[in-house]
Full PDB file with SEQRES, HELIX, SHEET, SSBOND, CRYST1, ORIGX, SCALE, CONECT and MASTER records, all heavy atoms in Angstrom:
SEQRES   1 A   42  CYS LEU GLY MET LYS ALA GLU LYS ASN MET LEU PRO LEU          
SEQRES   2 A   42  GLN PRO GLY ASP VAL PRO ALA THR TYR ALA ASP VAL THR          
SEQRES   3 A   42  ASP LEU VAL ARG ASP VAL GLY TYR LYS PRO ASP MET SER          
SEQRES   4 A   42  VAL GLU GLN                                                  
HELIX    1 AA1 THR A   26  VAL A   32  1                                   7    
CRYST1    1.000    1.000    1.000  90.00  90.00  90.00 P 1           1          
ORIGX1      1.000000  0.000000  0.000000        0.00000                         
ORIGX2      0.000000  1.000000  0.000000        0.00000                         
ORIGX3      0.000000  0.000000  1.000000        0.00000                         
SCALE1      1.000000  0.000000  0.000000        0.00000                         
SCALE2      0.000000  1.000000  0.000000        0.00000                         
SCALE3      0.000000  0.000000  1.000000        0.00000                         
ATOM      1  N   CYS A   1      89.827  87.239  86.019  1.00  0.00           N  
ATOM      2  CA  CYS A   1      90.392  85.964  85.814  1.00  0.00           C  
ATOM      3  C   CYS A   1      89.423  84.828  86.122  1.00  0.00           C  
ATOM      4  O   CYS A   1      89.423  83.723  85.534  1.00  0.00           O  
ATOM      5  CB  CYS A   1      91.595  85.738  86.773  1.00  0.00           C  
ATOM      6  SG  CYS A   1      93.008  86.773  86.375  1.00  0.00           S  
ATOM      7  N   LEU A   2      88.471  84.956  87.054  1.00  0.00           N  
ATOM      8  CA  LEU A   2      87.467  84.042  87.363  1.00  0.00           C  
ATOM      9  C   LEU A   2      86.287  84.092  86.430  1.00  0.00           C  
ATOM     10  O   LEU A   2      85.403  83.191  86.429  1.00  0.00           O  
ATOM     11  CB  LEU A   2      87.004  84.224  88.832  1.00  0.00           C  
ATOM     12  CG  LEU A   2      88.057  83.947  89.908  1.00  0.00           C  
ATOM     13  CD1 LEU A   2      87.451  84.334  91.275  1.00  0.00           C  
ATOM     14  CD2 LEU A   2      88.376  82.463  89.940  1.00  0.00           C  
ATOM     15  N   GLY A   3      86.082  85.236  85.809  1.00  0.00           N  
ATOM     16  CA  GLY A   3      84.893  85.390  85.024  1.00  0.00           C  
ATOM     17  C   GLY A   3      83.630  85.528  85.869  1.00  0.00           C  
ATOM     18  O   GLY A   3      82.503  85.184  85.385  1.00  0.00           O  
ATOM     19  N   MET A   4      83.762  86.001  87.006  1.00  0.00           N  
ATOM     20  CA  MET A   4      82.644  86.208  87.971  1.00  0.00           C  
ATOM     21  C   MET A   4      82.815  87.419  88.700  1.00  0.00           C  
ATOM     22  O   MET A   4      83.947  87.931  88.964  1.00  0.00           O  
ATOM     23  CB  MET A   4      82.635  84.982  88.938  1.00  0.00           C  
ATOM     24  CG  MET A   4      82.450  83.648  88.316  1.00  0.00           C  
ATOM     25  SD  MET A   4      82.605  82.283  89.580  1.00  0.00           S  
ATOM     26  CE  MET A   4      81.112  82.583  90.509  1.00  0.00           C  
ATOM     27  N   LYS A   5      81.681  88.063  89.110  1.00  0.00           N  
ATOM     28  CA  LYS A   5      81.670  89.296  89.962  1.00  0.00           C  
ATOM     29  C   LYS A   5      81.574  88.950  91.390  1.00  0.00           C  
ATOM     30  O   LYS A   5      80.855  87.980  91.720  1.00  0.00           O  
ATOM     31  CB  LYS A   5      80.564  90.199  89.518  1.00  0.00           C  
ATOM     32  CG  LYS A   5      80.832  90.914  88.172  1.00  0.00           C  
ATOM     33  CD  LYS A   5      81.983  91.830  88.306  1.00  0.00           C  
ATOM     34  CE  LYS A   5      82.202  92.625  86.962  1.00  0.00           C  
ATOM     35  NZ  LYS A   5      83.383  93.513  87.042  1.00  0.00           N  
ATOM     36  N   ALA A   6      82.194  89.731  92.224  1.00  0.00           N  
ATOM     37  CA  ALA A   6      82.153  89.478  93.678  1.00  0.00           C  
ATOM     38  C   ALA A   6      81.080  90.314  94.311  1.00  0.00           C  
ATOM     39  O   ALA A   6      80.867  91.483  93.921  1.00  0.00           O  
ATOM     40  CB  ALA A   6      83.487  89.759  94.331  1.00  0.00           C  
ATOM     41  N   GLU A   7      80.351  89.703  95.263  1.00  0.00           N  
ATOM     42  CA  GLU A   7      79.456  90.474  96.155  1.00  0.00           C  
ATOM     43  C   GLU A   7      80.327  90.974  97.315  1.00  0.00           C  
ATOM     44  O   GLU A   7      80.985  90.144  97.949  1.00  0.00           O  
ATOM     45  CB  GLU A   7      78.299  89.635  96.653  1.00  0.00           C  
ATOM     46  CG  GLU A   7      77.383  90.379  97.560  1.00  0.00           C  
ATOM     47  CD  GLU A   7      76.307  89.436  98.245  1.00  0.00           C  
ATOM     48  OE1 GLU A   7      76.148  88.331  97.656  1.00  0.00           O  
ATOM     49  OE2 GLU A   7      75.728  89.854  99.229  1.00  0.00           O  
ATOM     50  N   LYS A   8      80.366  92.291  97.574  1.00  0.00           N  
ATOM     51  CA  LYS A   8      81.322  92.820  98.481  1.00  0.00           C  
ATOM     52  C   LYS A   8      80.648  93.321  99.884  1.00  0.00           C  
ATOM     53  O   LYS A   8      79.680  94.093  99.762  1.00  0.00           O  
ATOM     54  CB  LYS A   8      82.076  93.928  97.890  1.00  0.00           C  
ATOM     55  CG  LYS A   8      82.764  93.612  96.594  1.00  0.00           C  
ATOM     56  CD  LYS A   8      83.404  94.778  95.864  1.00  0.00           C  
ATOM     57  CE  LYS A   8      84.010  94.427  94.526  1.00  0.00           C  
ATOM     58  NZ  LYS A   8      82.899  94.182  93.507  1.00  0.00           N  
ATOM     59  N   ASN A   9      81.155  92.887 100.919  1.00  0.00           N  
ATOM     60  CA  ASN A   9      80.829  93.416 102.217  1.00  0.00           C  
ATOM     61  C   ASN A   9      81.866  94.531 102.531  1.00  0.00           C  
ATOM     62  O   ASN A   9      83.006  94.195 102.877  1.00  0.00           O  
ATOM     63  CB  ASN A   9      80.910  92.389 103.337  1.00  0.00           C  
ATOM     64  CG  ASN A   9      79.719  91.416 103.364  1.00  0.00           C  
ATOM     65  OD1 ASN A   9      78.634  91.740 102.854  1.00  0.00           O  
ATOM     66  ND2 ASN A   9      79.990  90.216 103.828  1.00  0.00           N  
ATOM     67  N   MET A  10      81.487  95.770 102.442  1.00  0.00           N  
ATOM     68  CA  MET A  10      82.449  96.897 102.729  1.00  0.00           C  
ATOM     69  C   MET A  10      82.519  97.143 104.182  1.00  0.00           C  
ATOM     70  O   MET A  10      81.493  97.513 104.836  1.00  0.00           O  
ATOM     71  CB  MET A  10      81.988  98.147 101.972  1.00  0.00           C  
ATOM     72  CG  MET A  10      81.809  97.885 100.393  1.00  0.00           C  
ATOM     73  SD  MET A  10      83.191  97.199  99.581  1.00  0.00           S  
ATOM     74  CE  MET A  10      84.181  98.664  99.338  1.00  0.00           C  
ATOM     75  N   LEU A  11      83.679  97.000 104.843  1.00  0.00           N  
ATOM     76  CA  LEU A  11      83.860  97.014 106.225  1.00  0.00           C  
ATOM     77  C   LEU A  11      84.923  98.076 106.620  1.00  0.00           C  
ATOM     78  O   LEU A  11      85.851  98.394 105.808  1.00  0.00           O  
ATOM     79  CB  LEU A  11      84.237  95.625 106.771  1.00  0.00           C  
ATOM     80  CG  LEU A  11      83.222  94.550 106.505  1.00  0.00           C  
ATOM     81  CD1 LEU A  11      83.820  93.179 106.810  1.00  0.00           C  
ATOM     82  CD2 LEU A  11      81.986  94.758 107.314  1.00  0.00           C  
ATOM     83  N   PRO A  12      84.957  98.508 107.892  1.00  0.00           N  
ATOM     84  CA  PRO A  12      85.959  99.481 108.347  1.00  0.00           C  
ATOM     85  C   PRO A  12      87.372  98.793 108.462  1.00  0.00           C  
ATOM     86  O   PRO A  12      87.429  97.546 108.435  1.00  0.00           O  
ATOM     87  CB  PRO A  12      85.478  99.941 109.666  1.00  0.00           C  
ATOM     88  CG  PRO A  12      84.596  98.826 110.168  1.00  0.00           C  
ATOM     89  CD  PRO A  12      83.974  98.241 108.895  1.00  0.00           C  
ATOM     90  N   LEU A  13      88.366  99.594 108.614  1.00  0.00           N  
ATOM     91  CA  LEU A  13      89.712  99.163 108.874  1.00  0.00           C  
ATOM     92  C   LEU A  13      89.762  98.285 110.109  1.00  0.00           C  
ATOM     93  O   LEU A  13      89.223  98.588 111.162  1.00  0.00           O  
ATOM     94  CB  LEU A  13      90.664 100.353 109.033  1.00  0.00           C  
ATOM     95  CG  LEU A  13      92.181 100.108 109.211  1.00  0.00           C  
ATOM     96  CD1 LEU A  13      92.762  99.530 107.832  1.00  0.00           C  
ATOM     97  CD2 LEU A  13      92.931 101.311 109.598  1.00  0.00           C  
ATOM     98  N   GLN A  14      90.396  97.089 109.931  1.00  0.00           N  
ATOM     99  CA  GLN A  14      90.587  96.193 111.069  1.00  0.00           C  
ATOM    100  C   GLN A  14      91.649  96.648 112.096  1.00  0.00           C  
ATOM    101  O   GLN A  14      92.633  97.194 111.615  1.00  0.00           O  
ATOM    102  CB  GLN A  14      90.874  94.794 110.541  1.00  0.00           C  
ATOM    103  CG  GLN A  14      89.739  94.053 109.898  1.00  0.00           C  
ATOM    104  CD  GLN A  14      89.011  93.226 110.882  1.00  0.00           C  
ATOM    105  OE1 GLN A  14      89.408  92.167 111.216  1.00  0.00           O  
ATOM    106  NE2 GLN A  14      87.860  93.695 111.263  1.00  0.00           N  
ATOM    107  N   PRO A  15      91.399  96.405 113.348  1.00  0.00           N  
ATOM    108  CA  PRO A  15      92.511  96.637 114.329  1.00  0.00           C  
ATOM    109  C   PRO A  15      93.815  95.900 113.919  1.00  0.00           C  
ATOM    110  O   PRO A  15      93.729  94.760 113.550  1.00  0.00           O  
ATOM    111  CB  PRO A  15      91.957  96.118 115.656  1.00  0.00           C  
ATOM    112  CG  PRO A  15      90.487  96.187 115.458  1.00  0.00           C  
ATOM    113  CD  PRO A  15      90.243  95.899 114.015  1.00  0.00           C  
ATOM    114  N   GLY A  16      94.944  96.623 113.970  1.00  0.00           N  
ATOM    115  CA  GLY A  16      96.179  95.983 113.629  1.00  0.00           C  
ATOM    116  C   GLY A  16      96.572  96.159 112.197  1.00  0.00           C  
ATOM    117  O   GLY A  16      97.746  95.926 111.798  1.00  0.00           O  
ATOM    118  N   ASP A  17      95.621  96.502 111.362  1.00  0.00           N  
ATOM    119  CA  ASP A  17      95.921  96.693 109.882  1.00  0.00           C  
ATOM    120  C   ASP A  17      96.419  98.148 109.632  1.00  0.00           C  
ATOM    121  O   ASP A  17      96.144  99.059 110.407  1.00  0.00           O  
ATOM    122  CB  ASP A  17      94.636  96.457 109.088  1.00  0.00           C  
ATOM    123  CG  ASP A  17      94.428  95.021 108.595  1.00  0.00           C  
ATOM    124  OD1 ASP A  17      95.427  94.248 108.882  1.00  0.00           O  
ATOM    125  OD2 ASP A  17      93.460  94.706 107.986  1.00  0.00           O  
ATOM    126  N   VAL A  18      97.140  98.267 108.502  1.00  0.00           N  
ATOM    127  CA  VAL A  18      97.495  99.620 108.078  1.00  0.00           C  
ATOM    128  C   VAL A  18      96.895  99.879 106.702  1.00  0.00           C  
ATOM    129  O   VAL A  18      96.665  98.934 105.991  1.00  0.00           O  
ATOM    130  CB  VAL A  18      99.081  99.734 107.995  1.00  0.00           C  
ATOM    131  CG1 VAL A  18      99.666  99.534 109.359  1.00  0.00           C  
ATOM    132  CG2 VAL A  18      99.672  98.688 107.008  1.00  0.00           C  
ATOM    133  N   PRO A  19      96.685 101.150 106.384  1.00  0.00           N  
ATOM    134  CA  PRO A  19      95.948 101.417 105.115  1.00  0.00           C  
ATOM    135  C   PRO A  19      96.772 101.122 103.889  1.00  0.00           C  
ATOM    136  O   PRO A  19      96.247 100.819 102.768  1.00  0.00           O  
ATOM    137  CB  PRO A  19      95.627 102.953 105.162  1.00  0.00           C  
ATOM    138  CG  PRO A  19      95.793 103.220 106.662  1.00  0.00           C  
ATOM    139  CD  PRO A  19      96.808 102.332 107.205  1.00  0.00           C  
ATOM    140  N   ALA A  20      98.090 101.278 103.954  1.00  0.00           N  
ATOM    141  CA  ALA A  20      98.944 101.164 102.729  1.00  0.00           C  
ATOM    142  C   ALA A  20     100.318 100.665 103.068  1.00  0.00           C  
ATOM    143  O   ALA A  20     100.856 100.827 104.110  1.00  0.00           O  
ATOM    144  CB  ALA A  20      99.064 102.509 102.025  1.00  0.00           C  
ATOM    145  N   THR A  21     100.875  99.937 102.077  1.00  0.00           N  
ATOM    146  CA  THR A  21     102.277  99.516 102.160  1.00  0.00           C  
ATOM    147  C   THR A  21     102.943  99.811 100.795  1.00  0.00           C  
ATOM    148  O   THR A  21     102.284  99.685  99.755  1.00  0.00           O  
ATOM    149  CB  THR A  21     102.435  98.076 102.490  1.00  0.00           C  
ATOM    150  OG1 THR A  21     101.868  97.232 101.442  1.00  0.00           O  
ATOM    151  CG2 THR A  21     101.847  97.669 103.843  1.00  0.00           C  
ATOM    152  N   TYR A  22     104.229 100.108 100.794  1.00  0.00           N  
ATOM    153  CA  TYR A  22     104.952 100.520  99.569  1.00  0.00           C  
ATOM    154  C   TYR A  22     106.469 100.344  99.909  1.00  0.00           C  
ATOM    155  O   TYR A  22     106.973 101.068 100.753  1.00  0.00           O  
ATOM    156  CB  TYR A  22     104.601 101.937  99.248  1.00  0.00           C  
ATOM    157  CG  TYR A  22     105.156 102.575  98.053  1.00  0.00           C  
ATOM    158  CD1 TYR A  22     106.020 101.855  97.141  1.00  0.00           C  
ATOM    159  CD2 TYR A  22     104.917 103.851  97.681  1.00  0.00           C  
ATOM    160  CE1 TYR A  22     106.580 102.463  95.971  1.00  0.00           C  
ATOM    161  CE2 TYR A  22     105.464 104.516  96.613  1.00  0.00           C  
ATOM    162  CZ  TYR A  22     106.338 103.688  95.748  1.00  0.00           C  
ATOM    163  OH  TYR A  22     106.926 104.358  94.604  1.00  0.00           O  
ATOM    164  N   ALA A  23     107.068  99.444  99.265  1.00  0.00           N  
ATOM    165  CA  ALA A  23     108.456  99.082  99.506  1.00  0.00           C  
ATOM    166  C   ALA A  23     109.478  99.904  98.729  1.00  0.00           C  
ATOM    167  O   ALA A  23     109.458  99.947  97.503  1.00  0.00           O  
ATOM    168  CB  ALA A  23     108.667  97.622  99.260  1.00  0.00           C  
ATOM    169  N   ASP A  24     110.402 100.556  99.388  1.00  0.00           N  
ATOM    170  CA  ASP A  24     111.597 101.092  98.839  1.00  0.00           C  
ATOM    171  C   ASP A  24     112.581  99.956  98.692  1.00  0.00           C  
ATOM    172  O   ASP A  24     113.047  99.469  99.754  1.00  0.00           O  
ATOM    173  CB  ASP A  24     112.070 102.287  99.689  1.00  0.00           C  
ATOM    174  CG  ASP A  24     113.389 102.917  99.102  1.00  0.00           C  
ATOM    175  OD1 ASP A  24     114.030 102.217  98.274  1.00  0.00           O  
ATOM    176  OD2 ASP A  24     113.696 104.082  99.473  1.00  0.00           O  
ATOM    177  N   VAL A  25     112.994  99.507  97.512  1.00  0.00           N  
ATOM    178  CA  VAL A  25     113.888  98.403  97.358  1.00  0.00           C  
ATOM    179  C   VAL A  25     115.272  98.899  96.850  1.00  0.00           C  
ATOM    180  O   VAL A  25     116.061  98.061  96.274  1.00  0.00           O  
ATOM    181  CB  VAL A  25     113.310  97.375  96.389  1.00  0.00           C  
ATOM    182  CG1 VAL A  25     112.133  96.678  96.984  1.00  0.00           C  
ATOM    183  CG2 VAL A  25     112.956  97.986  95.041  1.00  0.00           C  
ATOM    184  N   THR A  26     115.612 100.106  97.089  1.00  0.00           N  
ATOM    185  CA  THR A  26     116.876 100.653  96.615  1.00  0.00           C  
ATOM    186  C   THR A  26     118.046  99.840  97.129  1.00  0.00           C  
ATOM    187  O   THR A  26     118.987  99.536  96.322  1.00  0.00           O  
ATOM    188  CB  THR A  26     117.032 102.155  97.115  1.00  0.00           C  
ATOM    189  OG1 THR A  26     115.933 102.865  96.664  1.00  0.00           O  
ATOM    190  CG2 THR A  26     118.282 102.696  96.577  1.00  0.00           C  
ATOM    191  N   ASP A  27     118.100  99.445  98.354  1.00  0.00           N  
ATOM    192  CA  ASP A  27     119.233  98.750  98.904  1.00  0.00           C  
ATOM    193  C   ASP A  27     119.334  97.367  98.294  1.00  0.00           C  
ATOM    194  O   ASP A  27     120.399  96.806  98.102  1.00  0.00           O  
ATOM    195  CB  ASP A  27     119.129  98.628 100.458  1.00  0.00           C  
ATOM    196  CG  ASP A  27     119.342  99.974 101.111  1.00  0.00           C  
ATOM    197  OD1 ASP A  27     119.100 101.020 100.506  1.00  0.00           O  
ATOM    198  OD2 ASP A  27     119.830  99.925 102.289  1.00  0.00           O  
ATOM    199  N   LEU A  28     118.118  96.681  98.097  1.00  0.00           N  
ATOM    200  CA  LEU A  28     118.161  95.363  97.472  1.00  0.00           C  
ATOM    201  C   LEU A  28     118.758  95.445  96.055  1.00  0.00           C  
ATOM    202  O   LEU A  28     119.584  94.533  95.714  1.00  0.00           O  
ATOM    203  CB  LEU A  28     116.727  94.805  97.453  1.00  0.00           C  
ATOM    204  CG  LEU A  28     116.578  93.360  96.995  1.00  0.00           C  
ATOM    205  CD1 LEU A  28     117.075  92.411  98.041  1.00  0.00           C  
ATOM    206  CD2 LEU A  28     115.077  93.108  96.649  1.00  0.00           C  
ATOM    207  N   VAL A  29     118.312  96.369  95.317  1.00  0.00           N  
ATOM    208  CA  VAL A  29     118.858  96.562  94.003  1.00  0.00           C  
ATOM    209  C   VAL A  29     120.302  96.795  94.008  1.00  0.00           C  
ATOM    210  O   VAL A  29     121.129  96.219  93.171  1.00  0.00           O  
ATOM    211  CB  VAL A  29     118.069  97.679  93.185  1.00  0.00           C  
ATOM    212  CG1 VAL A  29     118.726  97.946  91.867  1.00  0.00           C  
ATOM    213  CG2 VAL A  29     116.648  97.340  93.064  1.00  0.00           C  
ATOM    214  N   ARG A  30     120.752  97.678  94.893  1.00  0.00           N  
ATOM    215  CA  ARG A  30     122.207  98.058  94.944  1.00  0.00           C  
ATOM    216  C   ARG A  30     123.051  96.889  95.347  1.00  0.00           C  
ATOM    217  O   ARG A  30     124.117  96.629  94.782  1.00  0.00           O  
ATOM    218  CB  ARG A  30     122.352  99.158  95.967  1.00  0.00           C  
ATOM    219  CG  ARG A  30     123.781  99.670  96.156  1.00  0.00           C  
ATOM    220  CD  ARG A  30     123.928 100.419  97.448  1.00  0.00           C  
ATOM    221  NE  ARG A  30     123.732  99.601  98.637  1.00  0.00           N  
ATOM    222  CZ  ARG A  30     123.134 100.038  99.779  1.00  0.00           C  
ATOM    223  NH1 ARG A  30     122.793 101.326  99.876  1.00  0.00           N  
ATOM    224  NH2 ARG A  30     123.049  99.235 100.820  1.00  0.00           N  
ATOM    225  N   ASP A  31     122.582  96.056  96.320  1.00  0.00           N  
ATOM    226  CA  ASP A  31     123.484  95.070  96.857  1.00  0.00           C  
ATOM    227  C   ASP A  31     123.429  93.662  96.205  1.00  0.00           C  
ATOM    228  O   ASP A  31     124.417  92.962  96.083  1.00  0.00           O  
ATOM    229  CB  ASP A  31     123.198  94.852  98.400  1.00  0.00           C  
ATOM    230  CG  ASP A  31     123.630  96.058  99.194  1.00  0.00           C  
ATOM    231  OD1 ASP A  31     124.348  96.926  98.696  1.00  0.00           O  
ATOM    232  OD2 ASP A  31     123.257  96.094 100.408  1.00  0.00           O  
ATOM    233  N   VAL A  32     122.200  93.318  95.623  1.00  0.00           N  
ATOM    234  CA  VAL A  32     122.110  92.016  94.991  1.00  0.00           C  
ATOM    235  C   VAL A  32     121.632  92.120  93.570  1.00  0.00           C  
ATOM    236  O   VAL A  32     121.409  91.095  92.944  1.00  0.00           O  
ATOM    237  CB  VAL A  32     121.317  91.071  95.818  1.00  0.00           C  
ATOM    238  CG1 VAL A  32     121.802  90.900  97.212  1.00  0.00           C  
ATOM    239  CG2 VAL A  32     119.834  91.520  95.858  1.00  0.00           C  
ATOM    240  N   GLY A  33     121.371  93.294  93.084  1.00  0.00           N  
ATOM    241  CA  GLY A  33     121.058  93.484  91.683  1.00  0.00           C  
ATOM    242  C   GLY A  33     119.682  92.965  91.324  1.00  0.00           C  
ATOM    243  O   GLY A  33     119.555  92.400  90.209  1.00  0.00           O  
ATOM    244  N   TYR A  34     118.764  93.032  92.194  1.00  0.00           N  
ATOM    245  CA  TYR A  34     117.417  92.397  91.895  1.00  0.00           C  
ATOM    246  C   TYR A  34     116.306  93.268  92.389  1.00  0.00           C  
ATOM    247  O   TYR A  34     116.368  93.925  93.461  1.00  0.00           O  
ATOM    248  CB  TYR A  34     117.295  91.016  92.604  1.00  0.00           C  
ATOM    249  CG  TYR A  34     115.995  90.323  92.339  1.00  0.00           C  
ATOM    250  CD1 TYR A  34     115.748  89.933  91.011  1.00  0.00           C  
ATOM    251  CD2 TYR A  34     115.127  90.221  93.277  1.00  0.00           C  
ATOM    252  CE1 TYR A  34     114.546  89.385  90.743  1.00  0.00           C  
ATOM    253  CE2 TYR A  34     113.833  89.628  92.995  1.00  0.00           C  
ATOM    254  CZ  TYR A  34     113.587  89.225  91.696  1.00  0.00           C  
ATOM    255  OH  TYR A  34     112.366  88.638  91.411  1.00  0.00           O  
ATOM    256  N   LYS A  35     115.247  93.255  91.548  1.00  0.00           N  
ATOM    257  CA  LYS A  35     113.989  94.030  91.877  1.00  0.00           C  
ATOM    258  C   LYS A  35     112.849  93.178  91.445  1.00  0.00           C  
ATOM    259  O   LYS A  35     112.747  92.800  90.270  1.00  0.00           O  
ATOM    260  CB  LYS A  35     113.941  95.359  91.158  1.00  0.00           C  
ATOM    261  CG  LYS A  35     112.781  96.163  91.447  1.00  0.00           C  
ATOM    262  CD  LYS A  35     112.806  97.528  90.690  1.00  0.00           C  
ATOM    263  CE  LYS A  35     111.575  98.400  90.941  1.00  0.00           C  
ATOM    264  NZ  LYS A  35     110.371  97.747  90.390  1.00  0.00           N  
ATOM    265  N   PRO A  36     111.890  92.869  92.325  1.00  0.00           N  
ATOM    266  CA  PRO A  36     110.693  92.105  91.970  1.00  0.00           C  
ATOM    267  C   PRO A  36     109.933  92.850  90.871  1.00  0.00           C  
ATOM    268  O   PRO A  36     109.899  94.133  90.849  1.00  0.00           O  
ATOM    269  CB  PRO A  36     109.867  92.081  93.287  1.00  0.00           C  
ATOM    270  CG  PRO A  36     110.919  92.103  94.330  1.00  0.00           C  
ATOM    271  CD  PRO A  36     111.996  93.036  93.773  1.00  0.00           C  
ATOM    272  N   ASP A  37     109.301  92.136  89.931  1.00  0.00           N  
ATOM    273  CA  ASP A  37     108.666  92.842  88.798  1.00  0.00           C  
ATOM    274  C   ASP A  37     107.379  92.095  88.243  1.00  0.00           C  
ATOM    275  O   ASP A  37     106.811  92.556  87.286  1.00  0.00           O  
ATOM    276  CB  ASP A  37     109.642  92.997  87.633  1.00  0.00           C  
ATOM    277  CG  ASP A  37     110.114  91.737  87.085  1.00  0.00           C  
ATOM    278  OD1 ASP A  37     109.690  90.622  87.500  1.00  0.00           O  
ATOM    279  OD2 ASP A  37     110.960  91.774  86.117  1.00  0.00           O  
ATOM    280  N   MET A  38     106.867  91.030  88.896  1.00  0.00           N  
ATOM    281  CA  MET A  38     105.651  90.385  88.424  1.00  0.00           C  
ATOM    282  C   MET A  38     104.467  91.306  88.586  1.00  0.00           C  
ATOM    283  O   MET A  38     104.207  91.838  89.603  1.00  0.00           O  
ATOM    284  CB  MET A  38     105.437  89.069  89.185  1.00  0.00           C  
ATOM    285  CG  MET A  38     104.175  88.352  88.792  1.00  0.00           C  
ATOM    286  SD  MET A  38     104.122  87.673  87.184  1.00  0.00           S  
ATOM    287  CE  MET A  38     105.188  86.247  87.370  1.00  0.00           C  
ATOM    288  N   SER A  39     103.696  91.493  87.458  1.00  0.00           N  
ATOM    289  CA  SER A  39     102.454  92.282  87.529  1.00  0.00           C  
ATOM    290  C   SER A  39     101.405  91.472  88.254  1.00  0.00           C  
ATOM    291  O   SER A  39     101.345  90.256  88.238  1.00  0.00           O  
ATOM    292  CB  SER A  39     101.995  92.618  86.088  1.00  0.00           C  
ATOM    293  OG  SER A  39     101.522  91.354  85.481  1.00  0.00           O  
ATOM    294  N   VAL A  40     100.489  92.219  88.884  1.00  0.00           N  
ATOM    295  CA  VAL A  40      99.368  91.554  89.550  1.00  0.00           C  
ATOM    296  C   VAL A  40      98.485  90.840  88.606  1.00  0.00           C  
ATOM    297  O   VAL A  40      97.917  89.801  88.861  1.00  0.00           O  
ATOM    298  CB  VAL A  40      98.563  92.473  90.511  1.00  0.00           C  
ATOM    299  CG1 VAL A  40      99.392  92.961  91.652  1.00  0.00           C  
ATOM    300  CG2 VAL A  40      97.954  93.611  89.701  1.00  0.00           C  
ATOM    301  N   GLU A  41      98.362  91.337  87.368  1.00  0.00           N  
ATOM    302  CA  GLU A  41      97.552  90.712  86.337  1.00  0.00           C  
ATOM    303  C   GLU A  41      98.063  89.247  86.066  1.00  0.00           C  
ATOM    304  O   GLU A  41      97.259  88.355  86.092  1.00  0.00           O  
ATOM    305  CB  GLU A  41      97.503  91.540  85.057  1.00  0.00           C  
ATOM    306  CG  GLU A  41      96.633  92.816  85.198  1.00  0.00           C  
ATOM    307  CD  GLU A  41      97.464  93.950  85.879  1.00  0.00           C  
ATOM    308  OE1 GLU A  41      98.638  93.799  86.175  1.00  0.00           O  
ATOM    309  OE2 GLU A  41      96.775  94.968  86.269  1.00  0.00           O  
ATOM    310  N   GLN A  42      99.325  89.157  85.848  1.00  0.00           N  
ATOM    311  CA  GLN A  42      99.850  87.806  85.591  1.00  0.00           C  
ATOM    312  C   GLN A  42      99.888  86.938  86.816  1.00  0.00           C  
ATOM    313  O   GLN A  42      99.608  85.763  86.842  1.00  0.00           O  
ATOM    314  CB  GLN A  42     101.269  87.953  85.005  1.00  0.00           C  
ATOM    315  CG  GLN A  42     101.855  86.574  84.530  1.00  0.00           C  
ATOM    316  CD  GLN A  42     101.097  85.968  83.472  1.00  0.00           C  
ATOM    317  OE1 GLN A  42     100.766  86.517  82.406  1.00  0.00           O  
ATOM    318  NE2 GLN A  42     100.562  84.747  83.749  1.00  0.00           N  
TER     319      GLN A  42                                                      
MASTER        0    0    0    1    0    0    0    6  318    1    0    4          
END                                                                             
């Protein structure tokens, strides 16, 4: 999107951070009929 490459400092996991997140939205869909859907590209 920027048309530029990043120089990257590769660093270890920070204290307090978690490696991954992944939302189960079954209850949200069931109760209010909605599920987020925007792609990261857009």
